[in-house]
Amino acid sequence: MDKATPDWQHKEGLITTLVEGVKPSPENCVTITCGPPIMIRFAMLTLTKLGFKADQNWVTLEAKMKCGIGKCGRCNLGDKFICIDGPVFRFDQVEGFLESFV
């Protein structure tokens, strides 16, 4: 319980721990994850462990954008530019590049 709000009745903690506790079913489901790239990486590992396939997971990767028009190259991710081709991607479209992106 949060000391600043003693009547707080909701769960707190790492997203991976919270998702594992809820144990969502991958059947007829998609996920959408936004946040820092390192959090997205570990959230995807957790969702994979729970049976979600990469094409069921959507991620937002705007954290690395700078110019927003594909000129600076800062948000280059493989053959994609996050600012032009995204910033929302299915995980199977970017999973091979995410490690270098973190």
C-alpha atoms as a PDB file:
ATOM      1  CA  MET A   1       0.000   0.000   0.000  1.00  0.00           C
ATOM      2  CA  ASP A   2       1.330   3.450  -0.932  1.00  0.00           C
ATOM      3  CA  LYS A   3       2.063   5.500   2.202  1.00  0.00           C
ATOM      4  CA  ALA A   4       1.085   8.737   0.436  1.00  0.00           C
ATOM      5  CA  THR A   5      -2.373   7.332  -0.308  1.00  0.00           C
ATOM      6  CA  PRO A   6      -3.197   4.762   2.384  1.00  0.00           C
ATOM      7  CA  ASP A   7      -6.552   3.905   0.764  1.00  0.00           C
ATOM      8  CA  TRP A   8      -4.875   2.812  -2.516  1.00  0.00           C
ATOM      9  CA  GLN A   9      -6.314  -0.625  -3.405  1.00  0.00           C
ATOM     10  CA  HIS A  10      -4.584  -1.318  -6.729  1.00  0.00           C
ATOM     11  CA  LYS A  11      -1.499  -3.324  -7.611  1.00  0.00           C
ATOM     12  CA  GLU A  12       1.885  -1.678  -8.131  1.00  0.00           C
ATOM     13  CA  GLY A  13       5.184  -2.934  -9.471  1.00  0.00           C
ATOM     14  CA  LEU A  14       7.071  -3.994 -12.547  1.00  0.00           C
ATOM     15  CA  ILE A  15       4.804  -4.473 -15.540  1.00  0.00           C
ATOM     16  CA  THR A  16       6.247  -7.933 -16.174  1.00  0.00           C
ATOM     17  CA  THR A  17       5.354  -9.075 -12.651  1.00  0.00           C
ATOM     18  CA  LEU A  18       1.869  -7.575 -12.890  1.00  0.00           C
ATOM     19  CA  VAL A  19       1.162  -9.204 -16.280  1.00  0.00           C
ATOM     20  CA  GLU A  20       2.406 -12.581 -15.046  1.00  0.00           C
ATOM     21  CA  GLY A  21       0.062 -12.239 -12.072  1.00  0.00           C
ATOM     22  CA  VAL A  22      -2.951 -11.512 -14.290  1.00  0.00           C
ATOM     23  CA  LYS A  23      -2.037 -14.300 -16.756  1.00  0.00           C
ATOM     24  CA  PRO A  24      -3.981 -12.962 -19.758  1.00  0.00           C
ATOM     25  CA  SER A  25      -5.017 -15.537 -22.337  1.00  0.00           C
ATOM     26  CA  PRO A  26      -3.506 -15.106 -25.803  1.00  0.00           C
ATOM     27  CA  GLU A  27      -6.647 -16.599 -27.350  1.00  0.00           C
ATOM     28  CA  ASN A  28      -8.428 -14.045 -29.560  1.00  0.00           C
ATOM     29  CA  CYS A  29      -6.363 -11.218 -28.052  1.00  0.00           C
ATOM     30  CA  VAL A  30      -3.835  -8.539 -28.969  1.00  0.00           C
ATOM     31  CA  THR A  31      -1.595  -6.433 -26.736  1.00  0.00           C
ATOM     32  CA  ILE A  32      -0.467  -2.830 -27.051  1.00  0.00           C
ATOM     33  CA  THR A  33       2.661  -1.781 -25.173  1.00  0.00           C
ATOM     34  CA  CYS A  34       4.130   1.684 -24.894  1.00  0.00           C
ATOM     35  CA  GLY A  35       6.989   2.896 -22.782  1.00  0.00           C
ATOM     36  CA  PRO A  36      10.765   2.959 -22.765  1.00  0.00           C
ATOM     37  CA  PRO A  37      12.375   0.479 -25.186  1.00  0.00           C
ATOM     38  CA  ILE A  38      13.883  -1.582 -22.342  1.00  0.00           C
ATOM     39  CA  MET A  39      10.435  -2.004 -20.769  1.00  0.00           C
ATOM     40  CA  ILE A  40       8.962  -3.008 -24.125  1.00  0.00           C
ATOM     41  CA  ARG A  41      11.713  -5.604 -24.547  1.00  0.00           C
ATOM     42  CA  PHE A  42      10.973  -7.277 -21.208  1.00  0.00           C
ATOM     43  CA  ALA A  43       7.202  -6.985 -21.660  1.00  0.00           C
ATOM     44  CA  MET A  44       7.538  -8.857 -24.971  1.00  0.00           C
ATOM     45  CA  LEU A  45       9.607 -11.590 -23.284  1.00  0.00           C
ATOM     46  CA  THR A  46       6.889 -11.970 -20.649  1.00  0.00           C
ATOM     47  CA  LEU A  47       4.071 -12.041 -23.201  1.00  0.00           C
ATOM     48  CA  THR A  48       5.945 -14.648 -25.255  1.00  0.00           C
ATOM     49  CA  LYS A  49       6.317 -16.762 -22.112  1.00  0.00           C
ATOM     50  CA  LEU A  50       2.542 -16.489 -21.624  1.00  0.00           C
ATOM     51  CA  GLY A  51       1.899 -17.839 -25.138  1.00  0.00           C
ATOM     52  CA  PHE A  52       1.409 -14.658 -27.154  1.00  0.00           C
ATOM     53  CA  LYS A  53       2.803 -14.737 -30.685  1.00  0.00           C
ATOM     54  CA  ALA A  54       4.792 -11.766 -32.018  1.00  0.00           C
ATOM     55  CA  ASP A  55       2.021 -10.800 -34.449  1.00  0.00           C
ATOM     56  CA  GLN A  56      -0.428 -10.380 -31.550  1.00  0.00           C
ATOM     57  CA  ASN A  57       1.677  -7.673 -29.924  1.00  0.00           C
ATOM     58  CA  TRP A  58       1.766  -4.018 -30.973  1.00  0.00           C
ATOM     59  CA  VAL A  59       4.500  -1.697 -29.701  1.00  0.00           C
ATOM     60  CA  THR A  60       5.103   2.052 -29.865  1.00  0.00           C
ATOM     61  CA  LEU A  61       8.675   3.099 -30.505  1.00  0.00           C
ATOM     62  CA  GLU A  62       8.493   6.900 -30.635  1.00  0.00           C
ATOM     63  CA  ALA A  63      11.090   7.272 -27.866  1.00  0.00           C
ATOM     64  CA  LYS A  64      13.905   7.334 -30.439  1.00  0.00           C
ATOM     65  CA  MET A  65      12.351   9.882 -32.830  1.00  0.00           C
ATOM     66  CA  LYS A  66      13.967  13.274 -33.270  1.00  0.00           C
ATOM     67  CA  CYS A  67      13.140  15.142 -36.510  1.00  0.00           C
ATOM     68  CA  GLY A  68       9.869  13.322 -37.224  1.00  0.00           C
ATOM     69  CA  ILE A  69      10.271  13.429 -41.028  1.00  0.00           C
ATOM     70  CA  GLY A  70      12.934  10.789 -41.795  1.00  0.00           C
ATOM     71  CA  LYS A  71      15.820  13.209 -42.387  1.00  0.00           C
ATOM     72  CA  CYS A  72      18.059  12.744 -39.345  1.00  0.00           C
ATOM     73  CA  GLY A  73      18.152   8.921 -39.346  1.00  0.00           C
ATOM     74  CA  ARG A  74      18.095   8.776 -35.538  1.00  0.00           C
ATOM     75  CA  CYS A  75      15.033   6.531 -35.521  1.00  0.00           C
ATOM     76  CA  ASN A  76      16.288   4.120 -38.180  1.00  0.00           C
ATOM     77  CA  LEU A  77      15.381   0.565 -37.196  1.00  0.00           C
ATOM     78  CA  GLY A  78      16.608  -1.867 -39.834  1.00  0.00           C
ATOM     79  CA  ASP A  79      14.902  -0.846 -43.058  1.00  0.00           C
ATOM     80  CA  LYS A  80      12.261   1.208 -41.244  1.00  0.00           C
ATOM     81  CA  PHE A  81      12.120   4.747 -39.974  1.00  0.00           C
ATOM     82  CA  ILE A  82       9.998   4.938 -36.845  1.00  0.00           C
ATOM     83  CA  CYS A  83       8.852   8.478 -37.655  1.00  0.00           C
ATOM     84  CA  ILE A  84       7.700   7.594 -41.190  1.00  0.00           C
ATOM     85  CA  ASP A  85       6.717   3.913 -40.984  1.00  0.00           C
ATOM     86  CA  GLY A  86       5.375   3.985 -37.417  1.00  0.00           C
ATOM     87  CA  PRO A  87       5.654   4.775 -34.595  1.00  0.00           C
ATOM     88  CA  VAL A  88       3.295   1.845 -33.907  1.00  0.00           C
ATOM     89  CA  PHE A  89       4.415  -1.549 -35.211  1.00  0.00           C
ATOM     90  CA  ARG A  90       3.403  -5.157 -34.827  1.00  0.00           C
ATOM     91  CA  PHE A  91       6.166  -6.764 -32.823  1.00  0.00           C
ATOM     92  CA  ASP A  92       6.901  -9.335 -35.539  1.00  0.00           C
ATOM     93  CA  GLN A  93       7.842  -6.406 -37.833  1.00  0.00           C
ATOM     94  CA  VAL A  94      10.537  -5.088 -35.483  1.00  0.00           C
ATOM     95  CA  GLU A  95      11.505  -7.867 -33.066  1.00  0.00           C
ATOM     96  CA  GLY A  96      14.754  -8.605 -34.912  1.00  0.00           C
ATOM     97  CA  PHE A  97      15.851  -5.001 -34.492  1.00  0.00           C
ATOM     98  CA  LEU A  98      14.591  -4.227 -31.007  1.00  0.00           C
ATOM     99  CA  GLU A  99      17.709  -5.525 -29.232  1.00  0.00           C
ATOM    100  CA  SER A 100      19.870  -2.954 -31.028  1.00  0.00           C
ATOM    101  CA  PHE A 101      17.251  -0.290 -30.413  1.00  0.00           C
ATOM    102  CA  VAL A 102      17.249  -0.615 -26.621  1.00  0.00           C
END
